[in-house]
Amino acid sequence: MIRHRFYTLGVFLSLVASTPALADPVGTYDVTGINPDDDGEYHGTVVVSRAGETYAVIWTIAGTQSNGVGIGGKRGSKETTGVASVDDDMISIGYGNESGFGISQYDLQPDGSWKGHWAYADGEKISTETWVRSGAARSLERPKAPTGEAMKPMSSPAARP
């Protein structure tokens, strides 16, 4: 009887440990990303909210605001994309500001952060970005080079979300 309880507890804990935390992407996040031009790190914030069937996404990085619209998605035995949902564990976003546009996609991580890739119009590189809920502990990959110039306006060759 005791073995059975320990076995049940072990199975439960292993399932909980492998389940992503806080699947809903809605919230306010601290952002850390890598500048594709010089491999420097940039920081800012992003706010994700549901707007009907889509996500409204607003980044603020180095005083520049970029706005995006996103669709949600779910991974599993059958990947799906579509209407924004509390069950989404991925989000794809088109974004822009007064100077241009780009695309990005983020996946929920086991620690509850969102990690993704992005590219800007006329760009030749894909870069990375991580969102950590504001106030949460960070667990981020660091760039190879020291902190570089933050998000450049989209009119420059290195626009970021």
N, C-alpha and C. Protein backbone atom coordinates (compact mmCIF):
# COMPACT_ATOMS: atom_id res chain seq x y z
N MET A 1 0.81 -1.19 0.00
CA MET A 1 0.00 0.00 0.00
C MET A 1 0.86 1.26 0.00
N ILE A 2 1.90 1.27 0.83
CA ILE A 2 2.78 2.43 0.88
C ILE A 2 3.54 2.57 -0.43
N ARG A 3 4.01 1.47 -1.01
CA ARG A 3 4.70 1.53 -2.30
C ARG A 3 3.80 2.11 -3.37
N HIS A 4 2.54 1.68 -3.37
CA HIS A 4 1.59 2.17 -4.36
C HIS A 4 1.41 3.70 -4.24
N ARG A 5 1.34 4.21 -3.00
CA ARG A 5 1.19 5.66 -2.79
C ARG A 5 2.42 6.41 -3.28
N PHE A 6 3.62 5.88 -2.97
CA PHE A 6 4.83 6.53 -3.45
C PHE A 6 4.91 6.50 -4.97
N TYR A 7 4.52 5.37 -5.57
CA TYR A 7 4.51 5.26 -7.02
C TYR A 7 3.55 6.28 -7.62
N THR A 8 2.34 6.39 -7.07
CA THR A 8 1.35 7.35 -7.56
C THR A 8 1.87 8.77 -7.41
N LEU A 9 2.46 9.08 -6.26
CA LEU A 9 3.02 10.41 -6.03
C LEU A 9 4.14 10.69 -7.03
N GLY A 10 5.00 9.71 -7.28
CA GLY A 10 6.09 9.88 -8.25
C GLY A 10 5.58 10.15 -9.65
N VAL A 11 4.57 9.41 -10.08
CA VAL A 11 3.99 9.63 -11.41
C VAL A 11 3.39 11.02 -11.48
N PHE A 12 2.66 11.42 -10.45
CA PHE A 12 2.04 12.75 -10.43
C PHE A 12 3.11 13.84 -10.52
N LEU A 13 4.16 13.75 -9.70
CA LEU A 13 5.21 14.77 -9.72
C LEU A 13 5.93 14.82 -11.06
N SER A 14 6.15 13.69 -11.70
CA SER A 14 6.81 13.70 -13.00
C SER A 14 5.93 14.35 -14.06
N LEU A 15 4.63 14.15 -13.97
CA LEU A 15 3.72 14.81 -14.92
C LEU A 15 3.69 16.30 -14.69
N VAL A 16 3.64 16.73 -13.43
CA VAL A 16 3.63 18.16 -13.12
C VAL A 16 4.92 18.81 -13.58
N ALA A 17 6.05 18.15 -13.35
CA ALA A 17 7.35 18.71 -13.72
C ALA A 17 7.49 18.87 -15.23
N SER A 18 6.84 18.01 -16.01
CA SER A 18 6.99 18.09 -17.46
C SER A 18 5.92 18.95 -18.11
N THR A 19 4.95 19.46 -17.32
CA THR A 19 3.89 20.29 -17.86
C THR A 19 4.34 21.74 -17.85
N PRO A 20 4.26 22.46 -18.98
CA PRO A 20 4.65 23.86 -18.99
C PRO A 20 3.78 24.67 -18.03
N ALA A 21 4.42 25.64 -17.37
CA ALA A 21 3.71 26.50 -16.42
C ALA A 21 3.06 27.66 -17.15
N LEU A 22 1.87 28.03 -16.70
CA LEU A 22 1.20 29.23 -17.19
C LEU A 22 1.17 29.32 -18.71
N ALA A 23 0.45 28.45 -19.35
CA ALA A 23 0.42 28.40 -20.81
C ALA A 23 -0.10 29.68 -21.44
N ASP A 24 -1.03 30.38 -20.82
CA ASP A 24 -1.62 31.58 -21.40
C ASP A 24 -0.55 32.66 -21.60
N PRO A 25 -0.33 33.12 -22.84
CA PRO A 25 0.70 34.14 -23.07
C PRO A 25 0.33 35.54 -22.60
N VAL A 26 -0.92 35.77 -22.21
CA VAL A 26 -1.34 37.11 -21.79
C VAL A 26 -0.57 37.51 -20.53
N GLY A 27 -0.01 38.72 -20.55
CA GLY A 27 0.70 39.23 -19.38
C GLY A 27 1.74 40.27 -19.75
N THR A 28 2.48 40.71 -18.75
CA THR A 28 3.56 41.68 -18.92
C THR A 28 4.87 40.95 -18.67
N TYR A 29 5.82 41.18 -19.57
CA TYR A 29 7.09 40.46 -19.52
C TYR A 29 8.28 41.41 -19.60
N ASP A 30 9.38 40.99 -18.99
CA ASP A 30 10.68 41.61 -19.21
C ASP A 30 11.28 40.88 -20.41
N VAL A 31 11.85 41.63 -21.33
CA VAL A 31 12.38 41.08 -22.57
C VAL A 31 13.89 41.21 -22.60
N THR A 32 14.54 40.14 -23.03
CA THR A 32 15.97 40.18 -23.33
C THR A 32 16.14 39.56 -24.70
N GLY A 33 16.87 40.25 -25.56
CA GLY A 33 17.08 39.74 -26.91
C GLY A 33 18.50 39.98 -27.36
N ILE A 34 18.79 39.46 -28.52
CA ILE A 34 20.13 39.60 -29.09
C ILE A 34 20.04 40.37 -30.39
N ASN A 35 20.83 41.42 -30.50
CA ASN A 35 20.90 42.24 -31.69
C ASN A 35 21.62 41.44 -32.78
N PRO A 36 20.98 41.19 -33.93
CA PRO A 36 21.61 40.36 -34.95
C PRO A 36 22.80 41.03 -35.63
N ASP A 37 22.91 42.34 -35.52
CA ASP A 37 24.00 43.04 -36.20
C ASP A 37 25.32 42.96 -35.45
N ASP A 38 25.26 43.00 -34.09
CA ASP A 38 26.50 42.99 -33.34
C ASP A 38 26.52 41.96 -32.21
N ASP A 39 25.50 41.10 -32.15
CA ASP A 39 25.37 40.08 -31.11
C ASP A 39 25.29 40.66 -29.70
N GLY A 40 25.00 41.97 -29.60
CA GLY A 40 24.82 42.60 -28.29
C GLY A 40 23.43 42.31 -27.75
N GLU A 41 23.28 42.47 -26.45
CA GLU A 41 22.01 42.19 -25.79
C GLU A 41 21.19 43.47 -25.66
N TYR A 42 19.87 43.36 -25.79
CA TYR A 42 18.98 44.49 -25.52
C TYR A 42 17.93 44.05 -24.52
N HIS A 43 17.31 45.03 -23.84
CA HIS A 43 16.31 44.77 -22.81
C HIS A 43 15.12 45.68 -23.02
N GLY A 44 13.97 45.25 -22.54
CA GLY A 44 12.77 46.07 -22.60
C GLY A 44 11.61 45.35 -21.95
N THR A 45 10.41 45.74 -22.36
CA THR A 45 9.20 45.09 -21.86
C THR A 45 8.29 44.75 -23.04
N VAL A 46 7.40 43.80 -22.80
CA VAL A 46 6.37 43.46 -23.79
C VAL A 46 5.09 43.17 -23.01
N VAL A 47 3.99 43.67 -23.54
CA VAL A 47 2.67 43.43 -22.96
C VAL A 47 1.85 42.68 -24.00
N VAL A 48 1.30 41.53 -23.58
CA VAL A 48 0.48 40.70 -24.46
C VAL A 48 -0.94 40.68 -23.89
N SER A 49 -1.92 41.01 -24.73
CA SER A 49 -3.32 40.94 -24.31
C SER A 49 -4.12 40.29 -25.43
N ARG A 50 -5.28 39.76 -25.07
CA ARG A 50 -6.16 39.20 -26.09
C ARG A 50 -7.01 40.32 -26.66
N ALA A 51 -7.16 40.33 -27.97
CA ALA A 51 -7.99 41.32 -28.67
C ALA A 51 -8.91 40.53 -29.60
N GLY A 52 -10.06 40.15 -29.08
CA GLY A 52 -10.94 39.29 -29.87
C GLY A 52 -10.30 37.94 -30.08
N GLU A 53 -10.14 37.53 -31.32
CA GLU A 53 -9.55 36.23 -31.65
C GLU A 53 -8.04 36.28 -31.79
N THR A 54 -7.43 37.47 -31.61
CA THR A 54 -6.00 37.63 -31.79
C THR A 54 -5.34 38.09 -30.49
N TYR A 55 -4.01 38.22 -30.55
CA TYR A 55 -3.25 38.83 -29.47
C TYR A 55 -2.79 40.20 -29.92
N ALA A 56 -2.90 41.18 -29.02
CA ALA A 56 -2.28 42.49 -29.24
C ALA A 56 -0.97 42.46 -28.46
N VAL A 57 0.13 42.82 -29.11
CA VAL A 57 1.44 42.74 -28.49
C VAL A 57 2.12 44.10 -28.65
N ILE A 58 2.62 44.64 -27.52
CA ILE A 58 3.29 45.94 -27.55
C ILE A 58 4.64 45.80 -26.87
N TRP A 59 5.71 45.99 -27.65
CA TRP A 59 7.07 46.00 -27.13
C TRP A 59 7.48 47.44 -26.87
N THR A 60 8.25 47.66 -25.82
CA THR A 60 8.92 48.94 -25.59
C THR A 60 10.38 48.63 -25.32
N ILE A 61 11.23 49.03 -26.25
CA ILE A 61 12.66 48.74 -26.15
C ILE A 61 13.42 50.00 -26.55
N ALA A 62 14.29 50.45 -25.65
CA ALA A 62 15.11 51.65 -25.88
C ALA A 62 14.26 52.83 -26.31
N GLY A 63 13.09 53.00 -25.69
CA GLY A 63 12.22 54.13 -25.99
C GLY A 63 11.39 54.00 -27.25
N THR A 64 11.54 52.91 -27.98
CA THR A 64 10.78 52.70 -29.21
C THR A 64 9.68 51.69 -28.95
N GLN A 65 8.47 52.04 -29.37
CA GLN A 65 7.33 51.13 -29.23
C GLN A 65 7.04 50.47 -30.56
N SER A 66 6.86 49.16 -30.52
CA SER A 66 6.47 48.39 -31.70
C SER A 66 5.18 47.65 -31.36
N ASN A 67 4.25 47.62 -32.29
CA ASN A 67 2.96 46.97 -32.08
C ASN A 67 2.85 45.74 -32.96
N GLY A 68 2.22 44.71 -32.41
CA GLY A 68 2.07 43.47 -33.17
C GLY A 68 0.69 42.88 -33.02
N VAL A 69 0.36 42.00 -33.95
CA VAL A 69 -0.85 41.20 -33.87
C VAL A 69 -0.42 39.74 -33.99
N GLY A 70 -0.97 38.90 -33.11
CA GLY A 70 -0.54 37.51 -33.08
C GLY A 70 -1.69 36.53 -33.14
N ILE A 71 -1.35 35.33 -33.58
CA ILE A 71 -2.28 34.21 -33.52
C ILE A 71 -1.68 33.16 -32.60
N GLY A 72 -2.55 32.43 -31.92
CA GLY A 72 -2.09 31.43 -30.97
C GLY A 72 -1.88 30.08 -31.62
N GLY A 73 -1.32 29.19 -30.85
CA GLY A 73 -1.11 27.84 -31.33
C GLY A 73 -0.90 26.87 -30.19
N LYS A 74 -1.12 25.62 -30.50
CA LYS A 74 -0.94 24.55 -29.51
C LYS A 74 -0.11 23.44 -30.14
N ARG A 75 0.84 22.93 -29.38
CA ARG A 75 1.65 21.81 -29.82
C ARG A 75 1.09 20.53 -29.22
N GLY A 76 1.52 19.43 -29.71
CA GLY A 76 1.07 18.15 -29.19
C GLY A 76 1.05 17.14 -30.30
N SER A 77 0.16 16.19 -30.21
CA SER A 77 0.09 15.18 -31.25
C SER A 77 -0.33 15.80 -32.57
N LYS A 78 -1.03 16.93 -32.50
CA LYS A 78 -1.46 17.63 -33.70
C LYS A 78 -1.31 19.13 -33.47
N GLU A 79 -0.34 19.76 -34.15
CA GLU A 79 -0.14 21.20 -33.99
C GLU A 79 -1.31 21.94 -34.60
N THR A 80 -1.75 23.00 -33.93
CA THR A 80 -2.82 23.84 -34.45
C THR A 80 -2.46 25.30 -34.24
N THR A 81 -2.94 26.14 -35.12
CA THR A 81 -2.84 27.59 -34.94
C THR A 81 -4.21 28.18 -35.17
N GLY A 82 -4.44 29.33 -34.57
CA GLY A 82 -5.73 29.96 -34.77
C GLY A 82 -6.08 30.93 -33.68
N VAL A 83 -7.33 30.88 -33.25
CA VAL A 83 -7.90 31.82 -32.29
C VAL A 83 -7.09 31.81 -30.99
N ALA A 84 -6.81 33.01 -30.45
CA ALA A 84 -6.09 33.15 -29.19
C ALA A 84 -6.83 32.43 -28.07
N SER A 85 -6.08 31.66 -27.26
CA SER A 85 -6.70 30.83 -26.22
C SER A 85 -5.79 30.74 -25.00
N VAL A 86 -6.37 30.53 -23.83
CA VAL A 86 -5.58 30.36 -22.61
C VAL A 86 -4.72 29.11 -22.67
N ASP A 87 -5.00 28.20 -23.58
CA ASP A 87 -4.23 26.96 -23.71
C ASP A 87 -3.06 27.08 -24.68
N ASP A 88 -2.86 28.22 -25.30
CA ASP A 88 -1.79 28.38 -26.29
C ASP A 88 -0.42 28.19 -25.66
N ASP A 89 0.44 27.45 -26.36
CA ASP A 89 1.82 27.31 -25.91
C ASP A 89 2.79 27.78 -27.00
N MET A 90 2.25 28.47 -28.00
CA MET A 90 3.08 29.17 -28.99
C MET A 90 2.26 30.35 -29.51
N ILE A 91 2.96 31.36 -29.99
CA ILE A 91 2.31 32.56 -30.52
C ILE A 91 3.16 33.08 -31.68
N SER A 92 2.51 33.36 -32.80
CA SER A 92 3.19 33.90 -33.98
C SER A 92 2.71 35.33 -34.17
N ILE A 93 3.65 36.25 -34.42
CA ILE A 93 3.33 37.68 -34.40
C ILE A 93 3.92 38.39 -35.61
N GLY A 94 3.11 39.23 -36.24
CA GLY A 94 3.60 40.22 -37.19
C GLY A 94 3.67 41.53 -36.43
N TYR A 95 4.76 42.28 -36.55
CA TYR A 95 4.90 43.50 -35.78
C TYR A 95 5.44 44.62 -36.65
N GLY A 96 5.31 45.84 -36.15
CA GLY A 96 5.85 46.99 -36.86
C GLY A 96 5.87 48.22 -36.00
N ASN A 97 6.52 49.25 -36.54
CA ASN A 97 6.47 50.59 -35.97
C ASN A 97 6.46 51.57 -37.13
N GLU A 98 6.72 52.83 -36.86
CA GLU A 98 6.58 53.84 -37.93
C GLU A 98 7.51 53.62 -39.11
N SER A 99 8.50 52.77 -38.97
CA SER A 99 9.49 52.61 -40.03
C SER A 99 9.48 51.30 -40.78
N GLY A 100 8.70 50.32 -40.33
CA GLY A 100 8.72 49.04 -41.03
C GLY A 100 8.05 47.93 -40.25
N PHE A 101 8.40 46.68 -40.60
CA PHE A 101 7.72 45.53 -40.01
C PHE A 101 8.65 44.32 -39.91
N GLY A 102 8.14 43.28 -39.23
CA GLY A 102 8.88 42.03 -39.09
C GLY A 102 7.96 40.92 -38.62
N ILE A 103 8.55 39.75 -38.40
CA ILE A 103 7.79 38.60 -37.92
C ILE A 103 8.52 37.97 -36.74
N SER A 104 7.75 37.26 -35.91
CA SER A 104 8.36 36.57 -34.77
C SER A 104 7.48 35.39 -34.37
N GLN A 105 8.10 34.44 -33.67
CA GLN A 105 7.35 33.30 -33.14
C GLN A 105 7.97 32.88 -31.82
N TYR A 106 7.12 32.62 -30.82
CA TYR A 106 7.58 32.30 -29.47
C TYR A 106 6.94 31.00 -29.00
N ASP A 107 7.71 30.24 -28.21
CA ASP A 107 7.24 28.97 -27.66
C ASP A 107 7.36 29.02 -26.14
N LEU A 108 6.34 28.49 -25.47
CA LEU A 108 6.35 28.38 -24.02
C LEU A 108 7.45 27.42 -23.59
N GLN A 109 8.20 27.81 -22.57
CA GLN A 109 9.26 26.97 -22.02
C GLN A 109 8.78 26.32 -20.72
N PRO A 110 9.40 25.23 -20.29
CA PRO A 110 8.97 24.56 -19.06
C PRO A 110 8.98 25.45 -17.82
N ASP A 111 9.84 26.49 -17.80
CA ASP A 111 9.89 27.38 -16.64
C ASP A 111 8.87 28.51 -16.70
N GLY A 112 8.00 28.53 -17.74
CA GLY A 112 6.97 29.55 -17.86
C GLY A 112 7.39 30.75 -18.69
N SER A 113 8.65 30.82 -19.09
CA SER A 113 9.10 31.91 -19.97
C SER A 113 8.71 31.56 -21.41
N TRP A 114 8.85 32.53 -22.29
CA TRP A 114 8.58 32.34 -23.72
C TRP A 114 9.87 32.66 -24.46
N LYS A 115 10.30 31.76 -25.31
CA LYS A 115 11.53 31.94 -26.08
C LYS A 115 11.18 31.90 -27.55
N GLY A 116 11.76 32.82 -28.32
CA GLY A 116 11.40 32.85 -29.72
C GLY A 116 12.48 33.38 -30.63
N HIS A 117 12.10 33.45 -31.90
CA HIS A 117 12.96 33.95 -32.96
C HIS A 117 12.22 35.04 -33.71
N TRP A 118 12.97 35.98 -34.26
CA TRP A 118 12.35 37.06 -35.03
C TRP A 118 13.27 37.50 -36.15
N ALA A 119 12.66 38.16 -37.12
CA ALA A 119 13.41 38.73 -38.25
C ALA A 119 12.67 39.99 -38.69
N TYR A 120 13.41 40.95 -39.19
CA TYR A 120 12.80 42.19 -39.67
C TYR A 120 12.83 42.23 -41.19
N ALA A 121 12.01 43.09 -41.76
CA ALA A 121 11.93 43.22 -43.21
C ALA A 121 13.31 43.55 -43.78
N ASP A 122 13.67 42.91 -44.87
CA ASP A 122 14.96 43.08 -45.53
C ASP A 122 16.13 42.56 -44.71
N GLY A 123 15.85 41.88 -43.61
CA GLY A 123 16.92 41.34 -42.79
C GLY A 123 17.44 40.04 -43.38
N GLU A 124 18.67 39.70 -43.03
CA GLU A 124 19.27 38.47 -43.52
C GLU A 124 19.58 37.49 -42.40
N LYS A 125 19.28 37.88 -41.16
CA LYS A 125 19.55 37.02 -40.01
C LYS A 125 18.29 36.85 -39.18
N ILE A 126 18.24 35.74 -38.47
CA ILE A 126 17.20 35.49 -37.49
C ILE A 126 17.84 35.66 -36.12
N SER A 127 17.14 36.32 -35.21
CA SER A 127 17.68 36.53 -33.88
C SER A 127 16.77 35.91 -32.83
N THR A 128 17.18 35.97 -31.57
CA THR A 128 16.42 35.36 -30.49
C THR A 128 15.95 36.41 -29.49
N GLU A 129 14.89 36.04 -28.77
CA GLU A 129 14.35 36.91 -27.74
C GLU A 129 13.69 36.02 -26.70
N THR A 130 13.79 36.40 -25.43
CA THR A 130 13.16 35.66 -24.34
C THR A 130 12.30 36.61 -23.52
N TRP A 131 11.09 36.14 -23.21
CA TRP A 131 10.17 36.89 -22.35
C TRP A 131 10.08 36.17 -21.02
N VAL A 132 10.26 36.91 -19.92
CA VAL A 132 10.12 36.38 -18.57
C VAL A 132 9.09 37.25 -17.87
N ARG A 133 8.08 36.62 -17.26
CA ARG A 133 7.04 37.41 -16.58
C ARG A 133 7.71 38.41 -15.65
N SER A 134 7.23 39.64 -15.67
CA SER A 134 7.81 40.70 -14.84
C SER A 134 7.88 40.25 -13.39
N GLY A 135 9.06 40.42 -12.80
CA GLY A 135 9.27 40.03 -11.41
C GLY A 135 9.73 38.60 -11.23
N ALA A 136 9.74 37.78 -12.29
CA ALA A 136 10.16 36.38 -12.18
C ALA A 136 11.68 36.28 -12.32
N ALA A 137 12.24 35.19 -11.83
CA ALA A 137 13.67 34.95 -11.96
C ALA A 137 14.00 34.70 -13.43
N ARG A 138 15.15 35.15 -13.87
CA ARG A 138 15.57 34.98 -15.25
C ARG A 138 16.43 33.75 -15.43
N SER A 139 16.25 33.11 -16.57
CA SER A 139 17.08 31.97 -16.96
C SER A 139 17.30 32.12 -18.46
N LEU A 140 18.29 32.94 -18.83
CA LEU A 140 18.46 33.32 -20.23
C LEU A 140 19.83 32.95 -20.76
N GLU A 141 19.88 32.69 -22.06
CA GLU A 141 21.16 32.51 -22.73
C GLU A 141 21.77 33.90 -22.91
N ARG A 142 23.04 34.03 -22.73
CA ARG A 142 23.71 35.31 -22.88
C ARG A 142 24.37 35.40 -24.25
N PRO A 143 24.43 36.60 -24.82
CA PRO A 143 25.08 36.75 -26.12
C PRO A 143 26.59 36.58 -26.00
N LYS A 144 27.22 36.36 -27.13
CA LYS A 144 28.67 36.18 -27.17
C LYS A 144 29.40 37.50 -26.92
N ALA A 145 28.83 38.59 -27.40
CA ALA A 145 29.47 39.90 -27.28
C ALA A 145 28.85 40.66 -26.11
N PRO A 146 29.51 41.70 -25.61
CA PRO A 146 28.93 42.50 -24.54
C PRO A 146 27.69 43.24 -25.02
N THR A 147 26.94 43.80 -24.07
CA THR A 147 25.71 44.51 -24.39
C THR A 147 25.96 45.51 -25.50
N GLY A 148 25.14 45.45 -26.54
CA GLY A 148 25.29 46.32 -27.69
C GLY A 148 24.15 47.30 -27.79
N GLU A 149 24.08 47.95 -28.90
CA GLU A 149 23.03 48.91 -29.15
C GLU A 149 21.67 48.24 -29.08
N ALA A 150 20.73 48.90 -28.46
CA ALA A 150 19.39 48.34 -28.31
C ALA A 150 18.65 48.40 -29.64
N MET A 151 17.36 48.12 -29.59
CA MET A 151 16.52 48.08 -30.79
C MET A 151 16.71 49.34 -31.63
N LYS A 152 17.05 49.17 -32.88
CA LYS A 152 17.20 50.29 -33.78
C LYS A 152 15.86 50.59 -34.44
N PRO A 153 15.63 51.84 -34.85
CA PRO A 153 14.37 52.12 -35.56
C PRO A 153 14.30 51.26 -36.82
N MET A 154 13.10 50.97 -37.26
CA MET A 154 12.93 50.08 -38.39
C MET A 154 13.50 50.64 -39.70
N SER A 155 13.73 51.93 -39.76
CA SER A 155 14.32 52.48 -40.96
C SER A 155 15.77 52.05 -41.11
N SER A 156 16.38 51.63 -40.00
CA SER A 156 17.74 51.15 -40.08
C SER A 156 17.70 49.67 -40.48
N PRO A 157 18.83 49.11 -40.86
CA PRO A 157 18.85 47.72 -41.27
C PRO A 157 18.67 46.72 -40.14
N ALA A 158 18.44 47.18 -38.91
CA ALA A 158 18.32 46.21 -37.81
C ALA A 158 17.12 46.50 -36.93
N ALA A 159 15.94 46.55 -37.51
CA ALA A 159 14.73 46.77 -36.73
C ALA A 159 14.37 45.53 -35.95
N ARG A 160 13.94 45.73 -34.74
CA ARG A 160 13.54 44.66 -33.86
C ARG A 160 12.11 44.85 -33.43
N PRO A 161 11.51 43.80 -32.88
CA PRO A 161 10.14 43.97 -32.39
C PRO A 161 10.05 45.06 -31.36
